[in-house]
Amino acid sequence: MTVEMTEARFEELVSEALDLIPAELTRAIDNVVVLVEDRDPEEPGLLGLYHGIALTERDSHYGGSLPDTITIYREALLEVCDSEEQVVEEVAITVIHEVAHYFGIEEERLHQLGWG
């Protein structure tokens, strides 16, 4: 059962999830754009996606690169949740998961830490 939620409310949840990230980490985030889209066209069930060069992989050739993107997929997230409270939780998990990829944390480690 899909949870009903306005786009504005969902974007507010994404913003609130970003606010959960400690200030010392947010200060380290550079050249990243966070987007909200309905669904990933290639993987409609995907909840979020980091696309770019992880901070741990950047070198002297990185300068002048287009911003990395973190995309949070609204319809996919709403579809897997049964309540607004669950949406709040899943959005936070997804945002933190994708930001962790920016910092170079791999999928397996995220699952070990409970952010899978």
PDB file of N, CA and C in Angstrom:
ATOM      1  N   MET A   1       0.837  -1.176   0.000  1.00  0.00           N
ATOM      2  CA  MET A   1       0.000   0.000   0.000  1.00  0.00           C
ATOM      3  C   MET A   1       0.888   1.247   0.000  1.00  0.00           C
ATOM      4  N   THR A   2       0.667   2.130  -0.918  1.00  0.00           N
ATOM      5  CA  THR A   2       1.467   3.336  -1.054  1.00  0.00           C
ATOM      6  C   THR A   2       0.967   4.421  -0.102  1.00  0.00           C
ATOM      7  N   VAL A   3       1.899   5.073   0.581  1.00  0.00           N
ATOM      8  CA  VAL A   3       1.561   6.191   1.456  1.00  0.00           C
ATOM      9  C   VAL A   3       1.368   7.429   0.594  1.00  0.00           C
ATOM     10  N   GLU A   4       0.330   8.187   0.873  1.00  0.00           N
ATOM     11  CA  GLU A   4       0.075   9.438   0.157  1.00  0.00           C
ATOM     12  C   GLU A   4       0.813  10.577   0.862  1.00  0.00           C
ATOM     13  N   MET A   5       1.548  11.399   0.070  1.00  0.00           N
ATOM     14  CA  MET A   5       2.282  12.516   0.642  1.00  0.00           C
ATOM     15  C   MET A   5       2.564  13.529  -0.453  1.00  0.00           C
ATOM     16  N   THR A   6       2.438  14.796  -0.130  1.00  0.00           N
ATOM     17  CA  THR A   6       2.728  15.828  -1.128  1.00  0.00           C
ATOM     18  C   THR A   6       4.221  15.865  -1.419  1.00  0.00           C
ATOM     19  N   GLU A   7       4.538  16.365  -2.598  1.00  0.00           N
ATOM     20  CA  GLU A   7       5.952  16.511  -2.957  1.00  0.00           C
ATOM     21  C   GLU A   7       6.664  17.436  -1.985  1.00  0.00           C
ATOM     22  N   ALA A   8       5.985  18.512  -1.578  1.00  0.00           N
ATOM     23  CA  ALA A   8       6.589  19.471  -0.645  1.00  0.00           C
ATOM     24  C   ALA A   8       6.917  18.810   0.696  1.00  0.00           C
ATOM     25  N   ARG A   9       6.003  18.007   1.220  1.00  0.00           N
ATOM     26  CA  ARG A   9       6.252  17.322   2.497  1.00  0.00           C
ATOM     27  C   ARG A   9       7.401  16.344   2.357  1.00  0.00           C
ATOM     28  N   PHE A  10       7.458  15.631   1.251  1.00  0.00           N
ATOM     29  CA  PHE A  10       8.531  14.667   1.044  1.00  0.00           C
ATOM     30  C   PHE A  10       9.880  15.388   0.986  1.00  0.00           C
ATOM     31  N   GLU A  11       9.934  16.492   0.262  1.00  0.00           N
ATOM     32  CA  GLU A  11      11.175  17.258   0.172  1.00  0.00           C
ATOM     33  C   GLU A  11      11.583  17.799   1.542  1.00  0.00           C
ATOM     34  N   GLU A  12      10.603  18.136   2.358  1.00  0.00           N
ATOM     35  CA  GLU A  12      10.873  18.565   3.730  1.00  0.00           C
ATOM     36  C   GLU A  12      11.524  17.436   4.522  1.00  0.00           C
ATOM     37  N   LEU A  13      11.052  16.214   4.327  1.00  0.00           N
ATOM     38  CA  LEU A  13      11.648  15.060   5.011  1.00  0.00           C
ATOM     39  C   LEU A  13      13.084  14.833   4.574  1.00  0.00           C
ATOM     40  N   VAL A  14      13.358  15.030   3.295  1.00  0.00           N
ATOM     41  CA  VAL A  14      14.736  14.891   2.802  1.00  0.00           C
ATOM     42  C   VAL A  14      15.623  15.947   3.457  1.00  0.00           C
ATOM     43  N   SER A  15      15.135  17.157   3.538  1.00  0.00           N
ATOM     44  CA  SER A  15      15.878  18.234   4.188  1.00  0.00           C
ATOM     45  C   SER A  15      16.129  17.916   5.664  1.00  0.00           C
ATOM     46  N   GLU A  16      15.113  17.424   6.341  1.00  0.00           N
ATOM     47  CA  GLU A  16      15.266  17.049   7.749  1.00  0.00           C
ATOM     48  C   GLU A  16      16.270  15.916   7.917  1.00  0.00           C
ATOM     49  N   ALA A  17      16.287  14.976   6.979  1.00  0.00           N
ATOM     50  CA  ALA A  17      17.248  13.877   7.039  1.00  0.00           C
ATOM     51  C   ALA A  17      18.675  14.406   6.870  1.00  0.00           C
ATOM     52  N   LEU A  18      18.850  15.366   5.980  1.00  0.00           N
ATOM     53  CA  LEU A  18      20.180  15.971   5.806  1.00  0.00           C
ATOM     54  C   LEU A  18      20.622  16.670   7.085  1.00  0.00           C
ATOM     55  N   ASP A  19      19.669  17.243   7.813  1.00  0.00           N
ATOM     56  CA  ASP A  19      19.984  17.916   9.074  1.00  0.00           C
ATOM     57  C   ASP A  19      20.454  16.940  10.155  1.00  0.00           C
ATOM     58  N   LEU A  20      20.189  15.654   9.985  1.00  0.00           N
ATOM     59  CA  LEU A  20      20.628  14.649  10.949  1.00  0.00           C
ATOM     60  C   LEU A  20      22.125  14.367  10.855  1.00  0.00           C
ATOM     61  N   ILE A  21      22.728  14.748   9.765  1.00  0.00           N
ATOM     62  CA  ILE A  21      24.153  14.489   9.548  1.00  0.00           C
ATOM     63  C   ILE A  21      24.950  15.467  10.415  1.00  0.00           C
ATOM     64  N   PRO A  22      25.906  14.965  11.184  1.00  0.00           N
ATOM     65  CA  PRO A  22      26.692  15.847  12.057  1.00  0.00           C
ATOM     66  C   PRO A  22      27.374  16.977  11.273  1.00  0.00           C
ATOM     67  N   ALA A  23      27.439  18.143  11.910  1.00  0.00           N
ATOM     68  CA  ALA A  23      27.987  19.345  11.264  1.00  0.00           C
ATOM     69  C   ALA A  23      29.398  19.134  10.729  1.00  0.00           C
ATOM     70  N   GLU A  24      30.232  18.391  11.452  1.00  0.00           N
ATOM     71  CA  GLU A  24      31.607  18.178  10.979  1.00  0.00           C
ATOM     72  C   GLU A  24      31.640  17.402   9.663  1.00  0.00           C
ATOM     73  N   LEU A  25      30.644  16.567   9.435  1.00  0.00           N
ATOM     74  CA  LEU A  25      30.566  15.845   8.160  1.00  0.00           C
ATOM     75  C   LEU A  25      29.959  16.718   7.072  1.00  0.00           C
ATOM     76  N   THR A  26      28.917  17.484   7.407  1.00  0.00           N
ATOM     77  CA  THR A  26      28.310  18.334   6.376  1.00  0.00           C
ATOM     78  C   THR A  26      29.292  19.388   5.881  1.00  0.00           C
ATOM     79  N   ARG A  27      30.187  19.845   6.756  1.00  0.00           N
ATOM     80  CA  ARG A  27      31.212  20.805   6.315  1.00  0.00           C
ATOM     81  C   ARG A  27      32.171  20.170   5.307  1.00  0.00           C
ATOM     82  N   ALA A  28      32.304  18.853   5.350  1.00  0.00           N
ATOM     83  CA  ALA A  28      33.209  18.150   4.436  1.00  0.00           C
ATOM     84  C   ALA A  28      32.561  17.843   3.089  1.00  0.00           C
ATOM     85  N   ILE A  29      31.259  18.027   2.989  1.00  0.00           N
ATOM     86  CA  ILE A  29      30.556  17.740   1.739  1.00  0.00           C
ATOM     87  C   ILE A  29      30.738  18.910   0.795  1.00  0.00           C
ATOM     88  N   ASP A  30      31.241  18.609  -0.401  1.00  0.00           N
ATOM     89  CA  ASP A  30      31.523  19.654  -1.377  1.00  0.00           C
ATOM     90  C   ASP A  30      31.147  19.161  -2.766  1.00  0.00           C
ATOM     91  N   ASN A  31      30.537  20.048  -3.534  1.00  0.00           N
ATOM     92  CA  ASN A  31      30.214  19.767  -4.935  1.00  0.00           C
ATOM     93  C   ASN A  31      29.231  18.599  -5.077  1.00  0.00           C
ATOM     94  N   VAL A  32      28.176  18.630  -4.248  1.00  0.00           N
ATOM     95  CA  VAL A  32      27.142  17.594  -4.281  1.00  0.00           C
ATOM     96  C   VAL A  32      25.770  18.270  -4.311  1.00  0.00           C
ATOM     97  N   VAL A  33      24.899  17.768  -5.150  1.00  0.00           N
ATOM     98  CA  VAL A  33      23.531  18.254  -5.245  1.00  0.00           C
ATOM     99  C   VAL A  33      22.599  17.120  -4.830  1.00  0.00           C
ATOM    100  N   VAL A  34      21.626  17.439  -3.974  1.00  0.00           N
ATOM    101  CA  VAL A  34      20.630  16.442  -3.565  1.00  0.00           C
ATOM    102  C   VAL A  34      19.343  16.739  -4.318  1.00  0.00           C
ATOM    103  N   LEU A  35      18.845  15.722  -5.014  1.00  0.00           N
ATOM    104  CA  LEU A  35      17.645  15.850  -5.840  1.00  0.00           C
ATOM    105  C   LEU A  35      16.571  14.891  -5.366  1.00  0.00           C
ATOM    106  N   VAL A  36      15.322  15.245  -5.638  1.00  0.00           N
ATOM    107  CA  VAL A  36      14.202  14.330  -5.413  1.00  0.00           C
ATOM    108  C   VAL A  36      13.540  14.110  -6.767  1.00  0.00           C
ATOM    109  N   GLU A  37      13.409  12.852  -7.146  1.00  0.00           N
ATOM    110  CA  GLU A  37      12.715  12.486  -8.378  1.00  0.00           C
ATOM    111  C   GLU A  37      11.702  11.403  -8.039  1.00  0.00           C
ATOM    112  N   ASP A  38      10.772  11.160  -8.956  1.00  0.00           N
ATOM    113  CA  ASP A  38       9.753  10.149  -8.702  1.00  0.00           C
ATOM    114  C   ASP A  38      10.337   8.745  -8.646  1.00  0.00           C
ATOM    115  N   ARG A  39      11.040   8.349  -9.705  1.00  0.00           N
ATOM    116  CA  ARG A  39      11.603   6.997  -9.802  1.00  0.00           C
ATOM    117  C   ARG A  39      12.842   7.008 -10.686  1.00  0.00           C
ATOM    118  N   ASP A  40      13.699   6.032 -10.454  1.00  0.00           N
ATOM    119  CA  ASP A  40      14.813   5.807 -11.362  1.00  0.00           C
ATOM    120  C   ASP A  40      14.241   5.097 -12.593  1.00  0.00           C
ATOM    121  N   PRO A  41      14.479   5.631 -13.791  1.00  0.00           N
ATOM    122  CA  PRO A  41      13.886   5.017 -14.982  1.00  0.00           C
ATOM    123  C   PRO A  41      14.398   3.608 -15.280  1.00  0.00           C
ATOM    124  N   GLU A  42      15.625   3.318 -14.873  1.00  0.00           N
ATOM    125  CA  GLU A  42      16.203   2.003 -15.159  1.00  0.00           C
ATOM    126  C   GLU A  42      15.907   0.981 -14.065  1.00  0.00           C
ATOM    127  N   GLU A  43      15.786   1.458 -12.813  1.00  0.00           N
ATOM    128  CA  GLU A  43      15.482   0.587 -11.676  1.00  0.00           C
ATOM    129  C   GLU A  43      14.364   1.229 -10.864  1.00  0.00           C
ATOM    130  N   PRO A  44      13.104   1.023 -11.264  1.00  0.00           N
ATOM    131  CA  PRO A  44      11.975   1.711 -10.627  1.00  0.00           C
ATOM    132  C   PRO A  44      11.832   1.471  -9.126  1.00  0.00           C
ATOM    133  N   GLY A  45      12.391   0.401  -8.602  1.00  0.00           N
ATOM    134  CA  GLY A  45      12.293   0.114  -7.178  1.00  0.00           C
ATOM    135  C   GLY A  45      13.420   0.705  -6.349  1.00  0.00           C
ATOM    136  N   LEU A  46      14.377   1.339  -6.997  1.00  0.00           N
ATOM    137  CA  LEU A  46      15.522   1.932  -6.307  1.00  0.00           C
ATOM    138  C   LEU A  46      15.053   3.094  -5.435  1.00  0.00           C
ATOM    139  N   LEU A  47      15.541   3.151  -4.198  1.00  0.00           N
ATOM    140  CA  LEU A  47      15.113   4.183  -3.253  1.00  0.00           C
ATOM    141  C   LEU A  47      15.981   5.436  -3.323  1.00  0.00           C
ATOM    142  N   GLY A  48      17.249   5.252  -3.620  1.00  0.00           N
ATOM    143  CA  GLY A  48      18.169   6.383  -3.713  1.00  0.00           C
ATOM    144  C   GLY A  48      19.392   5.999  -4.524  1.00  0.00           C
ATOM    145  N   LEU A  49      20.129   7.021  -4.969  1.00  0.00           N
ATOM    146  CA  LEU A  49      21.303   6.756  -5.799  1.00  0.00           C
ATOM    147  C   LEU A  49      22.323   7.873  -5.632  1.00  0.00           C
ATOM    148  N   TYR A  50      23.568   7.483  -5.361  1.00  0.00           N
ATOM    149  CA  TYR A  50      24.683   8.428  -5.379  1.00  0.00           C
ATOM    150  C   TYR A  50      25.384   8.252  -6.711  1.00  0.00           C
ATOM    151  N   HIS A  51      25.602   9.354  -7.408  1.00  0.00           N
ATOM    152  CA  HIS A  51      26.305   9.312  -8.683  1.00  0.00           C
ATOM    153  C   HIS A  51      27.410  10.344  -8.642  1.00  0.00           C
ATOM    154  N   GLY A  52      28.636   9.872  -8.717  1.00  0.00           N
ATOM    155  CA  GLY A  52      29.759  10.798  -8.713  1.00  0.00           C
ATOM    156  C   GLY A  52      31.051  10.103  -8.343  1.00  0.00           C
ATOM    157  N   ILE A  53      31.989  10.897  -7.876  1.00  0.00           N
ATOM    158  CA  ILE A  53      33.295  10.391  -7.475  1.00  0.00           C
ATOM    159  C   ILE A  53      33.395  10.555  -5.966  1.00  0.00           C
ATOM    160  N   ALA A  54      33.464   9.430  -5.265  1.00  0.00           N
ATOM    161  CA  ALA A  54      33.516   9.463  -3.804  1.00  0.00           C
ATOM    162  C   ALA A  54      34.696  10.303  -3.328  1.00  0.00           C
ATOM    163  N   LEU A  55      34.532  10.913  -2.189  1.00  0.00           N
ATOM    164  CA  LEU A  55      35.565  11.771  -1.622  1.00  0.00           C
ATOM    165  C   LEU A  55      36.896  11.027  -1.510  1.00  0.00           C
ATOM    166  N   THR A  56      36.844   9.756  -1.187  1.00  0.00           N
ATOM    167  CA  THR A  56      38.061   8.954  -1.043  1.00  0.00           C
ATOM    168  C   THR A  56      38.740   8.661  -2.376  1.00  0.00           C
ATOM    169  N   GLU A  57      38.042   8.886  -3.481  1.00  0.00           N
ATOM    170  CA  GLU A  57      38.590   8.601  -4.811  1.00  0.00           C
ATOM    171  C   GLU A  57      39.037   9.865  -5.551  1.00  0.00           C
ATOM    172  N   ARG A  58      38.755  11.020  -5.001  1.00  0.00           N
ATOM    173  CA  ARG A  58      39.084  12.275  -5.685  1.00  0.00           C
ATOM    174  C   ARG A  58      40.583  12.531  -5.624  1.00  0.00           C
ATOM    175  N   ASP A  59      41.093  13.042  -6.733  1.00  0.00           N
ATOM    176  CA  ASP A  59      42.509  13.392  -6.789  1.00  0.00           C
ATOM    177  C   ASP A  59      42.661  14.773  -7.419  1.00  0.00           C
ATOM    178  N   SER A  60      43.843  15.123  -7.829  1.00  0.00           N
ATOM    179  CA  SER A  60      44.094  16.462  -8.370  1.00  0.00           C
ATOM    180  C   SER A  60      43.362  16.714  -9.684  1.00  0.00           C
ATOM    181  N   HIS A  61      42.895  15.690 -10.347  1.00  0.00           N
ATOM    182  CA  HIS A  61      42.172  15.843 -11.608  1.00  0.00           C
ATOM    183  C   HIS A  61      40.682  16.121 -11.395  1.00  0.00           C
ATOM    184  N   TYR A  62      40.228  16.081 -10.133  1.00  0.00           N
ATOM    185  CA  TYR A  62      38.814  16.262  -9.848  1.00  0.00           C
ATOM    186  C   TYR A  62      38.345  17.698 -10.073  1.00  0.00           C
ATOM    187  N   GLY A  63      39.194  18.679  -9.879  1.00  0.00           N
ATOM    188  CA  GLY A  63      38.808  20.088  -9.989  1.00  0.00           C
ATOM    189  C   GLY A  63      38.051  20.384 -11.277  1.00  0.00           C
ATOM    190  N   GLY A  64      37.011  21.207 -11.171  1.00  0.00           N
ATOM    191  CA  GLY A  64      36.218  21.585 -12.329  1.00  0.00           C
ATOM    192  C   GLY A  64      35.171  20.562 -12.735  1.00  0.00           C
ATOM    193  N   SER A  65      35.030  19.496 -11.961  1.00  0.00           N
ATOM    194  CA  SER A  65      34.044  18.465 -12.285  1.00  0.00           C
ATOM    195  C   SER A  65      32.632  18.966 -11.993  1.00  0.00           C
ATOM    196  N   LEU A  66      31.679  18.420 -12.731  1.00  0.00           N
ATOM    197  CA  LEU A  66      30.275  18.698 -12.444  1.00  0.00           C
ATOM    198  C   LEU A  66      29.941  18.158 -11.055  1.00  0.00           C
ATOM    199  N   PRO A  67      28.949  18.723 -10.397  1.00  0.00           N
ATOM    200  CA  PRO A  67      28.600  18.230  -9.058  1.00  0.00           C
ATOM    201  C   PRO A  67      28.167  16.761  -9.082  1.00  0.00           C
ATOM    202  N   ASP A  68      28.525  16.063  -8.009  1.00  0.00           N
ATOM    203  CA  ASP A  68      27.977  14.730  -7.778  1.00  0.00           C
ATOM    204  C   ASP A  68      26.498  14.911  -7.468  1.00  0.00           C
ATOM    205  N   THR A  69      25.730  13.850  -7.615  1.00  0.00           N
ATOM    206  CA  THR A  69      24.311  13.930  -7.286  1.00  0.00           C
ATOM    207  C   THR A  69      23.915  12.806  -6.339  1.00  0.00           C
ATOM    208  N   ILE A  70      23.039  13.151  -5.442  1.00  0.00           N
ATOM    209  CA  ILE A  70      22.342  12.179  -4.604  1.00  0.00           C
ATOM    210  C   ILE A  70      20.878  12.351  -4.960  1.00  0.00           C
ATOM    211  N   THR A  71      20.284  11.292  -5.485  1.00  0.00           N
ATOM    212  CA  THR A  71      18.885  11.349  -5.880  1.00  0.00           C
ATOM    213  C   THR A  71      18.079  10.449  -4.959  1.00  0.00           C
ATOM    214  N   ILE A  72      17.013  11.006  -4.412  1.00  0.00           N
ATOM    215  CA  ILE A  72      16.098  10.264  -3.554  1.00  0.00           C
ATOM    216  C   ILE A  72      14.808  10.078  -4.349  1.00  0.00           C
ATOM    217  N   TYR A  73      14.348   8.835  -4.445  1.00  0.00           N
ATOM    218  CA  TYR A  73      13.204   8.505  -5.301  1.00  0.00           C
ATOM    219  C   TYR A  73      11.910   8.433  -4.481  1.00  0.00           C
ATOM    220  N   ARG A  74      11.113   9.464  -4.624  1.00  0.00           N
ATOM    221  CA  ARG A  74       9.896   9.664  -3.832  1.00  0.00           C
ATOM    222  C   ARG A  74       8.888   8.531  -3.980  1.00  0.00           C
ATOM    223  N   GLU A  75       8.460   8.242  -5.188  1.00  0.00           N
ATOM    224  CA  GLU A  75       7.411   7.229  -5.379  1.00  0.00           C
ATOM    225  C   GLU A  75       7.861   5.853  -4.901  1.00  0.00           C
ATOM    226  N   ALA A  76       9.111   5.513  -5.145  1.00  0.00           N
ATOM    227  CA  ALA A  76       9.611   4.210  -4.713  1.00  0.00           C
ATOM    228  C   ALA A  76       9.610   4.113  -3.191  1.00  0.00           C
ATOM    229  N   LEU A  77      10.028   5.186  -2.522  1.00  0.00           N
ATOM    230  CA  LEU A  77      10.021   5.182  -1.058  1.00  0.00           C
ATOM    231  C   LEU A  77       8.600   5.118  -0.502  1.00  0.00           C
ATOM    232  N   LEU A  78       7.707   5.916  -1.064  1.00  0.00           N
ATOM    233  CA  LEU A  78       6.324   5.896  -0.578  1.00  0.00           C
ATOM    234  C   LEU A  78       5.687   4.525  -0.776  1.00  0.00           C
ATOM    235  N   GLU A  79       6.082   3.848  -1.825  1.00  0.00           N
ATOM    236  CA  GLU A  79       5.510   2.546  -2.146  1.00  0.00           C
ATOM    237  C   GLU A  79       5.903   1.459  -1.142  1.00  0.00           C
ATOM    238  N   VAL A  80       7.095   1.568  -0.560  1.00  0.00           N
ATOM    239  CA  VAL A  80       7.550   0.512   0.360  1.00  0.00           C
ATOM    240  C   VAL A  80       7.156   0.773   1.809  1.00  0.00           C
ATOM    241  N   CYS A  81       6.480   1.889   2.057  1.00  0.00           N
ATOM    242  CA  CYS A  81       6.117   2.256   3.425  1.00  0.00           C
ATOM    243  C   CYS A  81       4.620   2.106   3.669  1.00  0.00           C
ATOM    244  N   ASP A  82       4.274   1.845   4.949  1.00  0.00           N
ATOM    245  CA  ASP A  82       2.881   1.673   5.338  1.00  0.00           C
ATOM    246  C   ASP A  82       2.321   2.856   6.112  1.00  0.00           C
ATOM    247  N   SER A  83       3.198   3.793   6.519  1.00  0.00           N
ATOM    248  CA  SER A  83       2.738   4.937   7.306  1.00  0.00           C
ATOM    249  C   SER A  83       3.692   6.112   7.097  1.00  0.00           C
ATOM    250  N   GLU A  84       3.229   7.296   7.476  1.00  0.00           N
ATOM    251  CA  GLU A  84       4.104   8.466   7.357  1.00  0.00           C
ATOM    252  C   GLU A  84       5.328   8.315   8.270  1.00  0.00           C
ATOM    253  N   GLU A  85       5.147   7.724   9.430  1.00  0.00           N
ATOM    254  CA  GLU A  85       6.274   7.510  10.342  1.00  0.00           C
ATOM    255  C   GLU A  85       7.339   6.632   9.698  1.00  0.00           C
ATOM    256  N   GLN A  86       6.903   5.624   8.984  1.00  0.00           N
ATOM    257  CA  GLN A  86       7.847   4.744   8.293  1.00  0.00           C
ATOM    258  C   GLN A  86       8.539   5.506   7.157  1.00  0.00           C
ATOM    259  N   VAL A  87       7.821   6.392   6.478  1.00  0.00           N
ATOM    260  CA  VAL A  87       8.428   7.207   5.421  1.00  0.00           C
ATOM    261  C   VAL A  87       9.541   8.070   6.012  1.00  0.00           C
ATOM    262  N   VAL A  88       9.265   8.699   7.156  1.00  0.00           N
ATOM    263  CA  VAL A  88      10.272   9.532   7.817  1.00  0.00           C
ATOM    264  C   VAL A  88      11.534   8.713   8.069  1.00  0.00           C
ATOM    265  N   GLU A  89      11.364   7.509   8.604  1.00  0.00           N
ATOM    266  CA  GLU A  89      12.491   6.633   8.913  1.00  0.00           C
ATOM    267  C   GLU A  89      13.231   6.198   7.648  1.00  0.00           C
ATOM    268  N   GLU A  90      12.494   5.770   6.636  1.00  0.00           N
ATOM    269  CA  GLU A  90      13.115   5.275   5.404  1.00  0.00           C
ATOM    270  C   GLU A  90      13.824   6.390   4.625  1.00  0.00           C
ATOM    271  N   VAL A  91      13.258   7.592   4.638  1.00  0.00           N
ATOM    272  CA  VAL A  91      13.918   8.716   3.978  1.00  0.00           C
ATOM    273  C   VAL A  91      15.247   8.995   4.669  1.00  0.00           C
ATOM    274  N   ALA A  92      15.251   9.025   5.999  1.00  0.00           N
ATOM    275  CA  ALA A  92      16.483   9.277   6.743  1.00  0.00           C
ATOM    276  C   ALA A  92      17.532   8.207   6.441  1.00  0.00           C
ATOM    277  N   ILE A  93      17.121   6.958   6.460  1.00  0.00           N
ATOM    278  CA  ILE A  93      18.053   5.862   6.154  1.00  0.00           C
ATOM    279  C   ILE A  93      18.611   6.012   4.745  1.00  0.00           C
ATOM    280  N   THR A  94      17.754   6.306   3.796  1.00  0.00           N
ATOM    281  CA  THR A  94      18.176   6.416   2.395  1.00  0.00           C
ATOM    282  C   THR A  94      19.121   7.596   2.191  1.00  0.00           C
ATOM    283  N   VAL A  95      18.785   8.741   2.763  1.00  0.00           N
ATOM    284  CA  VAL A  95      19.653   9.917   2.620  1.00  0.00           C
ATOM    285  C   VAL A  95      21.023   9.639   3.230  1.00  0.00           C
ATOM    286  N   ILE A  96      21.046   9.119   4.445  1.00  0.00           N
ATOM    287  CA  ILE A  96      22.324   8.838   5.103  1.00  0.00           C
ATOM    288  C   ILE A  96      23.103   7.781   4.334  1.00  0.00           C
ATOM    289  N   HIS A  97      22.427   6.787   3.823  1.00  0.00           N
ATOM    290  CA  HIS A  97      23.061   5.734   3.015  1.00  0.00           C
ATOM    291  C   HIS A  97      23.768   6.339   1.803  1.00  0.00           C
ATOM    292  N   GLU A  98      23.077   7.215   1.080  1.00  0.00           N
ATOM    293  CA  GLU A  98      23.662   7.799  -0.130  1.00  0.00           C
ATOM    294  C   GLU A  98      24.785   8.789   0.201  1.00  0.00           C
ATOM    295  N   VAL A  99      24.637   9.551   1.268  1.00  0.00           N
ATOM    296  CA  VAL A  99      25.712  10.452   1.697  1.00  0.00           C
ATOM    297  C   VAL A  99      26.941   9.630   2.096  1.00  0.00           C
ATOM    298  N   ALA A 100      26.725   8.489   2.711  1.00  0.00           N
ATOM    299  CA  ALA A 100      27.841   7.619   3.079  1.00  0.00           C
ATOM    300  C   ALA A 100      28.618   7.166   1.846  1.00  0.00           C
ATOM    301  N   HIS A 101      27.928   6.918   0.744  1.00  0.00           N
ATOM    302  CA  HIS A 101      28.628   6.562  -0.496  1.00  0.00           C
ATOM    303  C   HIS A 101      29.532   7.706  -0.947  1.00  0.00           C
ATOM    304  N   TYR A 102      29.084   8.945  -0.764  1.00  0.00           N
ATOM    305  CA  TYR A 102      29.915  10.103  -1.086  1.00  0.00           C
ATOM    306  C   TYR A 102      31.227  10.049  -0.304  1.00  0.00           C
ATOM    307  N   PHE A 103      31.150   9.609   0.956  1.00  0.00           N
ATOM    308  CA  PHE A 103      32.340   9.513   1.791  1.00  0.00           C
ATOM    309  C   PHE A 103      33.135   8.227   1.532  1.00  0.00           C
ATOM    310  N   GLY A 104      32.694   7.427   0.568  1.00  0.00           N
ATOM    311  CA  GLY A 104      33.448   6.240   0.170  1.00  0.00           C
ATOM    312  C   GLY A 104      33.093   4.981   0.926  1.00  0.00           C
ATOM    313  N   ILE A 105      32.019   4.995   1.684  1.00  0.00           N
ATOM    314  CA  ILE A 105      31.611   3.795   2.421  1.00  0.00           C
ATOM    315  C   ILE A 105      30.847   2.877   1.471  1.00  0.00           C
ATOM    316  N   GLU A 106      31.310   1.649   1.383  1.00  0.00           N
ATOM    317  CA  GLU A 106      30.745   0.677   0.443  1.00  0.00           C
ATOM    318  C   GLU A 106      29.457   0.043   0.985  1.00  0.00           C
ATOM    319  N   GLU A 107      28.713  -0.538   0.081  1.00  0.00           N
ATOM    320  CA  GLU A 107      27.416  -1.150   0.374  1.00  0.00           C
ATOM    321  C   GLU A 107      27.494  -2.173   1.511  1.00  0.00           C
ATOM    322  N   GLU A 108      28.453  -3.064   1.444  1.00  0.00           N
ATOM    323  CA  GLU A 108      28.572  -4.115   2.463  1.00  0.00           C
ATOM    324  C   GLU A 108      28.755  -3.514   3.860  1.00  0.00           C
ATOM    325  N   ARG A 109      29.612  -2.509   3.963  1.00  0.00           N
ATOM    326  CA  ARG A 109      29.860  -1.873   5.259  1.00  0.00           C
ATOM    327  C   ARG A 109      28.604  -1.154   5.764  1.00  0.00           C
ATOM    328  N   LEU A 110      27.868  -0.520   4.873  1.00  0.00           N
ATOM    329  CA  LEU A 110      26.629   0.155   5.265  1.00  0.00           C
ATOM    330  C   LEU A 110      25.626  -0.838   5.850  1.00  0.00           C
ATOM    331  N   HIS A 111      25.545  -2.018   5.247  1.00  0.00           N
ATOM    332  CA  HIS A 111      24.644  -3.044   5.769  1.00  0.00           C
ATOM    333  C   HIS A 111      25.108  -3.513   7.161  1.00  0.00           C
ATOM    334  N   GLN A 112      26.419  -3.650   7.338  1.00  0.00           N
ATOM    335  CA  GLN A 112      26.945  -4.042   8.633  1.00  0.00           C
ATOM    336  C   GLN A 112      26.616  -2.999   9.712  1.00  0.00           C
ATOM    337  N   LEU A 113      26.609  -1.724   9.310  1.00  0.00           N
ATOM    338  CA  LEU A 113      26.332  -0.638  10.248  1.00  0.00           C
ATOM    339  C   LEU A 113      24.835  -0.390  10.472  1.00  0.00           C
ATOM    340  N   GLY A 114      23.992  -1.116   9.716  1.00  0.00           N
ATOM    341  CA  GLY A 114      22.549  -0.964   9.865  1.00  0.00           C
ATOM    342  C   GLY A 114      21.942   0.126   9.004  1.00  0.00           C
ATOM    343  N   TRP A 115      22.687   0.604   8.030  1.00  0.00           N
ATOM    344  CA  TRP A 115      22.202   1.654   7.120  1.00  0.00           C
ATOM    345  C   TRP A 115      21.962   1.090   5.726  1.00  0.00           C
ATOM    346  N   GLY A 116      21.698  -0.201   5.637  1.00  0.00           N
ATOM    347  CA  GLY A 116      21.488  -0.849   4.354  1.00  0.00           C
ATOM    348  C   GLY A 116      20.104  -0.666   3.900  1.00  0.00           C
TER     349      GLY A 116
END
